[in-house]
N, C-alpha and C. Protein backbone atom coordinates (compact mmCIF):
# COMPACT_ATOMS: atom_id res chain seq x y z
N MET A 1 0.84 -1.18 0.00
CA MET A 1 0.00 0.00 0.00
C MET A 1 0.89 1.25 0.00
N VAL A 2 0.56 2.19 -0.85
CA VAL A 2 1.34 3.41 -1.01
C VAL A 2 0.99 4.40 0.10
N SER A 3 2.01 4.96 0.71
CA SER A 3 1.78 6.01 1.71
C SER A 3 1.68 7.36 1.00
N TRP A 4 0.58 8.06 1.24
CA TRP A 4 0.35 9.35 0.61
C TRP A 4 0.94 10.50 1.41
N ASP A 5 1.41 10.22 2.64
CA ASP A 5 1.90 11.29 3.50
C ASP A 5 3.04 12.09 2.88
N PRO A 6 4.08 11.46 2.33
CA PRO A 6 5.15 12.29 1.73
C PRO A 6 4.66 13.12 0.55
N LYS A 7 3.73 12.56 -0.21
CA LYS A 7 3.19 13.29 -1.37
C LYS A 7 2.37 14.50 -0.91
N VAL A 8 1.59 14.30 0.16
CA VAL A 8 0.79 15.41 0.69
C VAL A 8 1.70 16.45 1.32
N ARG A 9 2.70 16.02 2.07
CA ARG A 9 3.63 16.98 2.70
C ARG A 9 4.35 17.83 1.65
N ARG A 10 4.66 17.24 0.50
CA ARG A 10 5.34 17.97 -0.56
C ARG A 10 4.35 18.74 -1.42
N GLY A 11 3.21 18.13 -1.72
CA GLY A 11 2.26 18.71 -2.65
C GLY A 11 1.39 19.82 -2.09
N HIS A 12 1.09 19.73 -0.80
CA HIS A 12 0.21 20.74 -0.18
C HIS A 12 0.78 22.15 -0.33
N PRO A 13 2.03 22.39 0.06
CA PRO A 13 2.57 23.75 -0.12
C PRO A 13 2.71 24.16 -1.59
N ILE A 14 2.99 23.19 -2.44
CA ILE A 14 3.11 23.51 -3.87
C ILE A 14 1.75 23.93 -4.43
N LEU A 15 0.72 23.15 -4.12
CA LEU A 15 -0.61 23.47 -4.63
C LEU A 15 -1.11 24.80 -4.07
N LEU A 16 -0.96 25.01 -2.77
CA LEU A 16 -1.38 26.29 -2.19
C LEU A 16 -0.53 27.44 -2.75
N GLY A 17 0.74 27.18 -3.02
CA GLY A 17 1.58 28.20 -3.63
C GLY A 17 1.09 28.59 -5.02
N LEU A 18 0.68 27.60 -5.81
CA LEU A 18 0.13 27.89 -7.14
C LEU A 18 -1.19 28.65 -7.03
N ILE A 19 -2.01 28.25 -6.08
CA ILE A 19 -3.28 28.95 -5.87
C ILE A 19 -3.01 30.41 -5.50
N VAL A 20 -2.04 30.64 -4.62
CA VAL A 20 -1.70 32.02 -4.22
C VAL A 20 -1.11 32.78 -5.41
N LEU A 21 -0.22 32.15 -6.17
CA LEU A 21 0.40 32.81 -7.32
C LEU A 21 -0.65 33.29 -8.32
N PHE A 22 -1.58 32.41 -8.69
CA PHE A 22 -2.59 32.80 -9.67
C PHE A 22 -3.60 33.77 -9.06
N ALA A 23 -3.82 33.69 -7.75
CA ALA A 23 -4.70 34.67 -7.10
C ALA A 23 -4.05 36.05 -7.09
N ILE A 24 -2.73 36.12 -6.95
CA ILE A 24 -2.03 37.40 -7.02
C ILE A 24 -2.17 38.00 -8.42
N ILE A 25 -2.05 37.16 -9.44
CA ILE A 25 -2.23 37.64 -10.81
C ILE A 25 -3.66 38.15 -11.00
N GLU A 26 -4.64 37.36 -10.51
CA GLU A 26 -6.04 37.77 -10.62
C GLU A 26 -6.29 39.05 -9.82
N LEU A 27 -5.69 39.16 -8.65
CA LEU A 27 -5.81 40.37 -7.84
C LEU A 27 -5.28 41.59 -8.60
N SER A 28 -4.14 41.43 -9.24
CA SER A 28 -3.54 42.54 -9.99
C SER A 28 -4.45 43.00 -11.12
N ILE A 29 -4.98 42.05 -11.87
CA ILE A 29 -5.83 42.40 -13.00
C ILE A 29 -7.13 43.04 -12.51
N SER A 30 -7.77 42.42 -11.52
CA SER A 30 -9.05 42.94 -11.05
C SER A 30 -8.89 44.29 -10.34
N ALA A 31 -7.80 44.46 -9.59
CA ALA A 31 -7.57 45.75 -8.92
C ALA A 31 -7.34 46.85 -9.96
N TRP A 32 -6.60 46.54 -11.01
CA TRP A 32 -6.35 47.53 -12.06
C TRP A 32 -7.67 47.90 -12.74
N LEU A 33 -8.47 46.89 -13.08
CA LEU A 33 -9.75 47.16 -13.73
C LEU A 33 -10.69 47.96 -12.82
N VAL A 34 -10.75 47.59 -11.55
CA VAL A 34 -11.61 48.34 -10.61
C VAL A 34 -11.14 49.78 -10.51
N SER A 35 -9.83 50.01 -10.46
CA SER A 35 -9.33 51.39 -10.38
C SER A 35 -9.67 52.17 -11.65
N ARG A 36 -9.57 51.53 -12.80
CA ARG A 36 -9.93 52.19 -14.07
C ARG A 36 -11.43 52.49 -14.10
N TYR A 37 -12.24 51.52 -13.69
CA TYR A 37 -13.69 51.72 -13.69
C TYR A 37 -14.09 52.83 -12.72
N ASN A 38 -13.44 52.88 -11.57
CA ASN A 38 -13.75 53.92 -10.59
C ASN A 38 -13.33 55.30 -11.10
N ALA A 39 -12.20 55.36 -11.79
CA ALA A 39 -11.69 56.65 -12.26
C ALA A 39 -12.42 57.16 -13.49
N HIS A 40 -12.76 56.26 -14.41
CA HIS A 40 -13.30 56.69 -15.70
C HIS A 40 -14.75 56.30 -15.94
N HIS A 41 -15.32 55.46 -15.11
CA HIS A 41 -16.70 55.01 -15.26
C HIS A 41 -16.97 54.47 -16.66
N ASN A 42 -16.01 53.71 -17.21
CA ASN A 42 -16.15 53.21 -18.57
C ASN A 42 -16.38 51.69 -18.63
N PHE A 43 -17.08 51.17 -17.65
CA PHE A 43 -17.44 49.75 -17.65
C PHE A 43 -18.62 49.55 -18.59
N GLN A 44 -18.77 48.35 -19.10
CA GLN A 44 -19.85 48.05 -20.04
C GLN A 44 -21.20 48.05 -19.35
N SER A 45 -21.23 47.53 -18.11
CA SER A 45 -22.48 47.46 -17.35
C SER A 45 -22.16 47.44 -15.87
N LEU A 46 -23.15 47.74 -15.06
CA LEU A 46 -22.97 47.67 -13.61
C LEU A 46 -22.66 46.25 -13.17
N GLY A 47 -23.26 45.28 -13.85
CA GLY A 47 -23.00 43.87 -13.54
C GLY A 47 -21.55 43.50 -13.73
N GLU A 48 -20.97 43.94 -14.84
CA GLU A 48 -19.56 43.64 -15.10
C GLU A 48 -18.67 44.32 -14.06
N ARG A 49 -18.98 45.56 -13.72
CA ARG A 49 -18.21 46.27 -12.69
C ARG A 49 -18.27 45.53 -11.36
N ASP A 50 -19.48 45.12 -10.97
CA ASP A 50 -19.65 44.43 -9.68
C ASP A 50 -19.00 43.05 -9.68
N ARG A 51 -19.04 42.37 -10.80
CA ARG A 51 -18.40 41.05 -10.90
C ARG A 51 -16.89 41.17 -10.83
N THR A 52 -16.37 42.22 -11.40
CA THR A 52 -14.93 42.47 -11.29
C THR A 52 -14.56 42.75 -9.85
N ARG A 53 -15.37 43.50 -9.15
CA ARG A 53 -15.13 43.76 -7.73
C ARG A 53 -15.21 42.48 -6.91
N PHE A 54 -16.15 41.61 -7.26
CA PHE A 54 -16.25 40.34 -6.55
C PHE A 54 -15.00 39.50 -6.75
N LEU A 55 -14.47 39.49 -7.96
CA LEU A 55 -13.23 38.75 -8.21
C LEU A 55 -12.05 39.38 -7.46
N LEU A 56 -12.08 40.69 -7.27
CA LEU A 56 -11.06 41.34 -6.44
C LEU A 56 -11.15 40.83 -5.00
N PHE A 57 -12.37 40.76 -4.47
CA PHE A 57 -12.57 40.22 -3.13
C PHE A 57 -12.12 38.76 -3.05
N THR A 58 -12.53 37.96 -4.03
CA THR A 58 -12.21 36.53 -4.02
C THR A 58 -10.70 36.32 -4.09
N SER A 59 -10.01 37.11 -4.88
CA SER A 59 -8.55 37.01 -4.95
C SER A 59 -7.92 37.32 -3.61
N THR A 60 -8.39 38.37 -2.97
CA THR A 60 -7.85 38.75 -1.66
C THR A 60 -8.12 37.67 -0.64
N TRP A 61 -9.34 37.16 -0.59
CA TRP A 61 -9.71 36.06 0.30
C TRP A 61 -8.76 34.88 0.10
N THR A 62 -8.55 34.50 -1.16
CA THR A 62 -7.73 33.34 -1.49
C THR A 62 -6.29 33.54 -1.06
N ILE A 63 -5.74 34.70 -1.32
CA ILE A 63 -4.35 34.97 -0.95
C ILE A 63 -4.18 34.89 0.56
N VAL A 64 -5.03 35.57 1.29
CA VAL A 64 -4.89 35.63 2.76
C VAL A 64 -5.03 34.24 3.37
N PHE A 65 -6.11 33.55 3.04
CA PHE A 65 -6.37 32.27 3.71
C PHE A 65 -5.50 31.14 3.19
N SER A 66 -5.16 31.12 1.92
CA SER A 66 -4.26 30.08 1.41
C SER A 66 -2.87 30.24 2.01
N ALA A 67 -2.40 31.47 2.09
CA ALA A 67 -1.09 31.70 2.72
C ALA A 67 -1.12 31.29 4.19
N LEU A 68 -2.21 31.62 4.88
CA LEU A 68 -2.35 31.24 6.29
C LEU A 68 -2.33 29.72 6.44
N TYR A 69 -3.09 29.02 5.63
CA TYR A 69 -3.12 27.56 5.72
C TYR A 69 -1.78 26.94 5.35
N ALA A 70 -1.07 27.52 4.40
CA ALA A 70 0.25 27.00 4.05
C ALA A 70 1.22 27.18 5.22
N LEU A 71 1.20 28.35 5.84
CA LEU A 71 2.08 28.59 6.99
C LEU A 71 1.73 27.67 8.16
N LEU A 72 0.45 27.49 8.43
CA LEU A 72 0.05 26.59 9.51
C LEU A 72 0.45 25.16 9.21
N PHE A 73 0.38 24.76 7.96
CA PHE A 73 0.76 23.40 7.59
C PHE A 73 2.26 23.19 7.80
N PHE A 74 3.07 24.21 7.48
CA PHE A 74 4.51 24.10 7.73
C PHE A 74 4.80 24.01 9.21
N GLN A 75 4.07 24.79 10.00
CA GLN A 75 4.31 24.82 11.44
C GLN A 75 3.87 23.52 12.09
N SER A 76 2.70 23.02 11.74
CA SER A 76 2.13 21.87 12.43
C SER A 76 1.28 21.06 11.47
N PRO A 77 1.88 20.20 10.62
CA PRO A 77 1.11 19.50 9.60
C PRO A 77 0.06 18.55 10.14
N GLY A 78 0.19 18.09 11.35
CA GLY A 78 -0.78 17.14 11.83
C GLY A 78 -1.27 17.41 13.23
N GLY A 79 -0.99 18.57 13.78
CA GLY A 79 -1.24 18.72 15.19
C GLY A 79 -2.24 19.75 15.65
N SER A 80 -2.94 20.44 14.78
CA SER A 80 -3.89 21.45 15.28
C SER A 80 -5.20 21.36 14.52
N PHE A 81 -6.22 21.97 15.09
CA PHE A 81 -7.53 21.97 14.43
C PHE A 81 -7.46 22.70 13.09
N LEU A 82 -6.68 23.79 13.00
CA LEU A 82 -6.62 24.56 11.76
C LEU A 82 -5.95 23.81 10.62
N THR A 83 -5.19 22.76 10.95
CA THR A 83 -4.59 21.96 9.88
C THR A 83 -5.34 20.65 9.68
N SER A 84 -6.51 20.52 10.29
CA SER A 84 -7.30 19.29 10.17
C SER A 84 -7.99 19.22 8.80
N VAL A 85 -8.44 18.03 8.48
CA VAL A 85 -9.15 17.81 7.22
C VAL A 85 -10.43 18.65 7.20
N GLY A 86 -11.14 18.68 8.32
CA GLY A 86 -12.40 19.42 8.38
C GLY A 86 -12.20 20.91 8.14
N SER A 87 -11.19 21.48 8.77
CA SER A 87 -10.90 22.90 8.60
C SER A 87 -10.51 23.20 7.16
N HIS A 88 -9.65 22.37 6.59
CA HIS A 88 -9.25 22.54 5.19
C HIS A 88 -10.46 22.41 4.26
N ALA A 89 -11.31 21.45 4.54
CA ALA A 89 -12.47 21.22 3.67
C ALA A 89 -13.42 22.41 3.70
N ILE A 90 -13.67 22.96 4.87
CA ILE A 90 -14.56 24.12 4.97
C ILE A 90 -13.97 25.32 4.22
N PHE A 91 -12.70 25.62 4.50
CA PHE A 91 -12.04 26.74 3.83
C PHE A 91 -12.03 26.55 2.31
N MET A 92 -11.63 25.37 1.85
CA MET A 92 -11.50 25.15 0.42
C MET A 92 -12.86 25.12 -0.26
N PHE A 93 -13.90 24.61 0.41
CA PHE A 93 -15.23 24.61 -0.19
C PHE A 93 -15.74 26.04 -0.37
N ILE A 94 -15.57 26.87 0.64
CA ILE A 94 -16.00 28.28 0.52
C ILE A 94 -15.22 28.96 -0.61
N THR A 95 -13.92 28.73 -0.66
CA THR A 95 -13.09 29.31 -1.71
C THR A 95 -13.52 28.81 -3.08
N TRP A 96 -13.82 27.53 -3.18
CA TRP A 96 -14.27 26.94 -4.44
C TRP A 96 -15.59 27.57 -4.89
N VAL A 97 -16.52 27.77 -3.96
CA VAL A 97 -17.80 28.40 -4.29
C VAL A 97 -17.56 29.83 -4.80
N PHE A 98 -16.67 30.56 -4.12
CA PHE A 98 -16.36 31.93 -4.57
C PHE A 98 -15.82 31.92 -5.99
N TRP A 99 -14.86 31.03 -6.29
CA TRP A 99 -14.26 31.00 -7.62
C TRP A 99 -15.26 30.52 -8.67
N LEU A 100 -16.08 29.54 -8.32
CA LEU A 100 -17.10 29.09 -9.26
C LEU A 100 -18.06 30.23 -9.58
N SER A 101 -18.51 30.93 -8.56
CA SER A 101 -19.43 32.06 -8.76
C SER A 101 -18.78 33.17 -9.57
N GLY A 102 -17.55 33.52 -9.21
CA GLY A 102 -16.86 34.60 -9.90
C GLY A 102 -16.55 34.27 -11.35
N ALA A 103 -16.04 33.07 -11.60
CA ALA A 103 -15.70 32.67 -12.97
C ALA A 103 -16.95 32.60 -13.84
N ALA A 104 -18.02 32.01 -13.32
CA ALA A 104 -19.26 31.91 -14.09
C ALA A 104 -19.86 33.28 -14.34
N ALA A 105 -19.82 34.15 -13.31
CA ALA A 105 -20.41 35.48 -13.45
C ALA A 105 -19.66 36.33 -14.48
N ILE A 106 -18.33 36.32 -14.42
CA ILE A 106 -17.58 37.15 -15.37
C ILE A 106 -17.68 36.57 -16.78
N THR A 107 -17.79 35.25 -16.89
CA THR A 107 -17.97 34.63 -18.21
C THR A 107 -19.32 35.03 -18.80
N ALA A 108 -20.36 35.02 -17.96
CA ALA A 108 -21.68 35.44 -18.44
C ALA A 108 -21.66 36.91 -18.83
N SER A 109 -20.96 37.72 -18.06
CA SER A 109 -20.88 39.15 -18.34
C SER A 109 -20.17 39.43 -19.67
N LEU A 110 -19.16 38.61 -19.97
CA LEU A 110 -18.39 38.81 -21.20
C LEU A 110 -18.88 37.93 -22.35
N ASN A 111 -20.01 37.26 -22.15
CA ASN A 111 -20.57 36.35 -23.16
C ASN A 111 -19.57 35.29 -23.60
N GLY A 112 -18.83 34.75 -22.63
CA GLY A 112 -17.87 33.69 -22.94
C GLY A 112 -16.51 34.19 -23.35
N GLY A 113 -16.30 35.45 -23.38
CA GLY A 113 -15.02 36.02 -23.80
C GLY A 113 -15.22 37.04 -24.90
N LEU A 114 -14.30 37.95 -24.98
CA LEU A 114 -14.41 39.03 -25.97
C LEU A 114 -13.46 38.77 -27.13
N ASN A 115 -13.90 39.09 -28.32
CA ASN A 115 -13.07 39.02 -29.50
C ASN A 115 -12.44 40.39 -29.70
N CYS A 116 -11.21 40.52 -29.27
CA CYS A 116 -10.55 41.83 -29.27
C CYS A 116 -10.14 42.30 -30.66
N GLY A 117 -10.07 41.39 -31.62
CA GLY A 117 -9.61 41.77 -32.95
C GLY A 117 -10.67 42.39 -33.83
N HIS A 118 -11.93 42.08 -33.62
CA HIS A 118 -12.97 42.52 -34.52
C HIS A 118 -13.82 43.67 -33.99
N HIS A 119 -13.77 43.86 -32.68
CA HIS A 119 -14.58 44.92 -32.08
C HIS A 119 -13.71 45.70 -31.11
N PHE A 120 -14.12 46.93 -30.87
CA PHE A 120 -13.41 47.71 -29.88
C PHE A 120 -14.11 47.54 -28.53
N TYR A 121 -13.40 46.95 -27.60
CA TYR A 121 -13.89 46.82 -26.23
C TYR A 121 -12.87 47.50 -25.32
N THR A 122 -13.35 48.27 -24.37
CA THR A 122 -12.46 48.91 -23.41
C THR A 122 -11.81 47.83 -22.56
N TYR A 123 -10.50 47.85 -22.44
CA TYR A 123 -9.72 46.91 -21.63
C TYR A 123 -10.00 45.46 -22.02
N CYS A 124 -10.08 45.19 -23.30
CA CYS A 124 -10.47 43.88 -23.81
C CYS A 124 -9.54 42.77 -23.32
N GLY A 125 -8.25 42.95 -23.49
CA GLY A 125 -7.29 41.93 -23.07
C GLY A 125 -7.32 41.67 -21.57
N GLN A 126 -7.44 42.74 -20.82
CA GLN A 126 -7.48 42.59 -19.36
C GLN A 126 -8.74 41.86 -18.92
N ARG A 127 -9.85 42.15 -19.55
CA ARG A 127 -11.11 41.51 -19.19
C ARG A 127 -11.08 40.02 -19.55
N ASN A 128 -10.50 39.69 -20.71
CA ASN A 128 -10.34 38.28 -21.07
C ASN A 128 -9.40 37.56 -20.10
N SER A 129 -8.33 38.24 -19.71
CA SER A 129 -7.39 37.66 -18.75
C SER A 129 -8.05 37.44 -17.39
N LEU A 130 -8.88 38.38 -16.97
CA LEU A 130 -9.61 38.25 -15.72
C LEU A 130 -10.45 36.97 -15.73
N GLU A 131 -11.12 36.74 -16.84
CA GLU A 131 -11.93 35.54 -16.97
C GLU A 131 -11.07 34.28 -16.97
N ALA A 132 -9.99 34.29 -17.74
CA ALA A 132 -9.12 33.11 -17.84
C ALA A 132 -8.52 32.72 -16.49
N PHE A 133 -8.00 33.69 -15.76
CA PHE A 133 -7.38 33.38 -14.48
C PHE A 133 -8.41 32.98 -13.43
N ALA A 134 -9.64 33.44 -13.56
CA ALA A 134 -10.69 32.98 -12.66
C ALA A 134 -10.96 31.49 -12.88
N TRP A 135 -10.96 31.07 -14.13
CA TRP A 135 -11.17 29.64 -14.42
C TRP A 135 -9.97 28.81 -13.99
N ILE A 136 -8.77 29.34 -14.15
CA ILE A 136 -7.58 28.62 -13.67
C ILE A 136 -7.67 28.41 -12.16
N GLU A 137 -8.07 29.45 -11.43
CA GLU A 137 -8.23 29.33 -9.98
C GLU A 137 -9.30 28.29 -9.63
N LEU A 138 -10.38 28.26 -10.40
CA LEU A 138 -11.43 27.28 -10.14
C LEU A 138 -10.88 25.86 -10.32
N VAL A 139 -10.11 25.63 -11.36
CA VAL A 139 -9.53 24.30 -11.59
C VAL A 139 -8.60 23.92 -10.44
N LEU A 140 -7.75 24.84 -10.02
CA LEU A 140 -6.81 24.55 -8.92
C LEU A 140 -7.55 24.27 -7.61
N THR A 141 -8.57 25.06 -7.31
CA THR A 141 -9.30 24.82 -6.06
C THR A 141 -10.14 23.55 -6.14
N THR A 142 -10.61 23.19 -7.32
CA THR A 142 -11.33 21.92 -7.49
C THR A 142 -10.40 20.76 -7.20
N PHE A 143 -9.19 20.82 -7.74
CA PHE A 143 -8.21 19.77 -7.49
C PHE A 143 -7.87 19.70 -6.00
N ALA A 144 -7.65 20.84 -5.37
CA ALA A 144 -7.33 20.86 -3.94
C ALA A 144 -8.48 20.30 -3.12
N LEU A 145 -9.69 20.66 -3.45
CA LEU A 145 -10.86 20.16 -2.73
C LEU A 145 -11.00 18.65 -2.89
N ALA A 146 -10.73 18.14 -4.09
CA ALA A 146 -10.80 16.69 -4.33
C ALA A 146 -9.77 15.95 -3.48
N VAL A 147 -8.56 16.48 -3.43
CA VAL A 147 -7.51 15.84 -2.61
C VAL A 147 -7.89 15.88 -1.13
N ILE A 148 -8.41 17.00 -0.69
CA ILE A 148 -8.82 17.12 0.72
C ILE A 148 -9.93 16.12 1.02
N MET A 149 -10.87 15.94 0.11
CA MET A 149 -11.94 14.96 0.33
C MET A 149 -11.37 13.54 0.40
N LEU A 150 -10.43 13.23 -0.47
CA LEU A 150 -9.80 11.90 -0.42
C LEU A 150 -9.04 11.70 0.89
N ARG A 151 -8.35 12.74 1.34
CA ARG A 151 -7.64 12.63 2.63
C ARG A 151 -8.63 12.55 3.78
N GLY A 152 -9.78 13.17 3.64
CA GLY A 152 -10.82 13.08 4.65
C GLY A 152 -11.38 11.67 4.75
N ILE A 153 -11.54 11.02 3.60
CA ILE A 153 -11.99 9.63 3.60
C ILE A 153 -10.95 8.76 4.29
N ALA A 154 -9.67 9.00 3.99
CA ALA A 154 -8.59 8.23 4.63
C ALA A 154 -8.57 8.47 6.14
N ALA A 155 -8.76 9.72 6.56
CA ALA A 155 -8.79 10.03 8.00
C ALA A 155 -9.98 9.37 8.66
N SER A 156 -11.10 9.33 7.98
CA SER A 156 -12.28 8.68 8.53
C SER A 156 -12.05 7.18 8.67
N ARG A 157 -11.41 6.58 7.71
CA ARG A 157 -11.12 5.14 7.78
C ARG A 157 -10.11 4.83 8.89
N ARG A 158 -9.23 5.79 9.19
CA ARG A 158 -8.29 5.61 10.31
C ARG A 158 -9.00 5.76 11.64
N GLY A 159 -10.21 6.32 11.62
CA GLY A 159 -10.95 6.54 12.83
C GLY A 159 -10.78 7.95 13.40
N ASP A 160 -10.14 8.84 12.64
CA ASP A 160 -9.88 10.20 13.11
C ASP A 160 -11.06 11.15 12.83
N GLY A 161 -11.85 10.85 11.83
CA GLY A 161 -12.96 11.73 11.45
C GLY A 161 -12.46 13.04 10.88
N ILE A 162 -13.30 14.08 10.98
CA ILE A 162 -12.92 15.35 10.36
C ILE A 162 -11.85 16.09 11.17
N LYS A 163 -11.60 15.64 12.40
CA LYS A 163 -10.52 16.26 13.19
C LYS A 163 -9.17 15.68 12.82
N GLY A 164 -9.17 14.68 11.95
CA GLY A 164 -7.92 14.06 11.52
C GLY A 164 -7.11 15.01 10.68
N SER A 165 -5.82 14.73 10.60
CA SER A 165 -4.94 15.59 9.83
C SER A 165 -4.86 15.13 8.38
N LEU A 166 -4.33 16.00 7.54
CA LEU A 166 -4.12 15.65 6.15
C LEU A 166 -3.07 14.56 6.01
N VAL A 167 -2.16 14.51 6.95
CA VAL A 167 -1.13 13.48 6.98
C VAL A 167 -1.28 12.72 8.31
N SER A 168 -0.97 11.43 8.26
CA SER A 168 -1.14 10.65 9.49
C SER A 168 0.10 10.63 10.35
């Protein structure tokens, strides 16, 4: 039987690092767009403006809490409630819902993406990038949530339940 503990110990910080990296990129794009929209009021619709602001919030949420969970995992990978499977599952599920909502909302606002070559759209490339990085974040958080659920099943089979750690 393969032990997943070394893979989780190595992969957890890498995956959270990727989530933080792409959230920083998304934060940069959304913050720039929000500042432009606030300064020039040149958004296509109030919905698009508000969805961009939501992605700004979601990026900030993701950066703060993913970095916190990564630091806590380094400090105590198996010894505290904040590094437990249950805590990770709650955090990652909320984050996943935020990214799913944000990615779907901005995609609906942009009608699936803008064709920058044939029409003039204000901040066309940035808006397409905002959408793309939102979907990348959704994929990464989906993968993280799936791994956490699998580790939760393993913790439950060990008899630890949701208070069990990601590593045994």
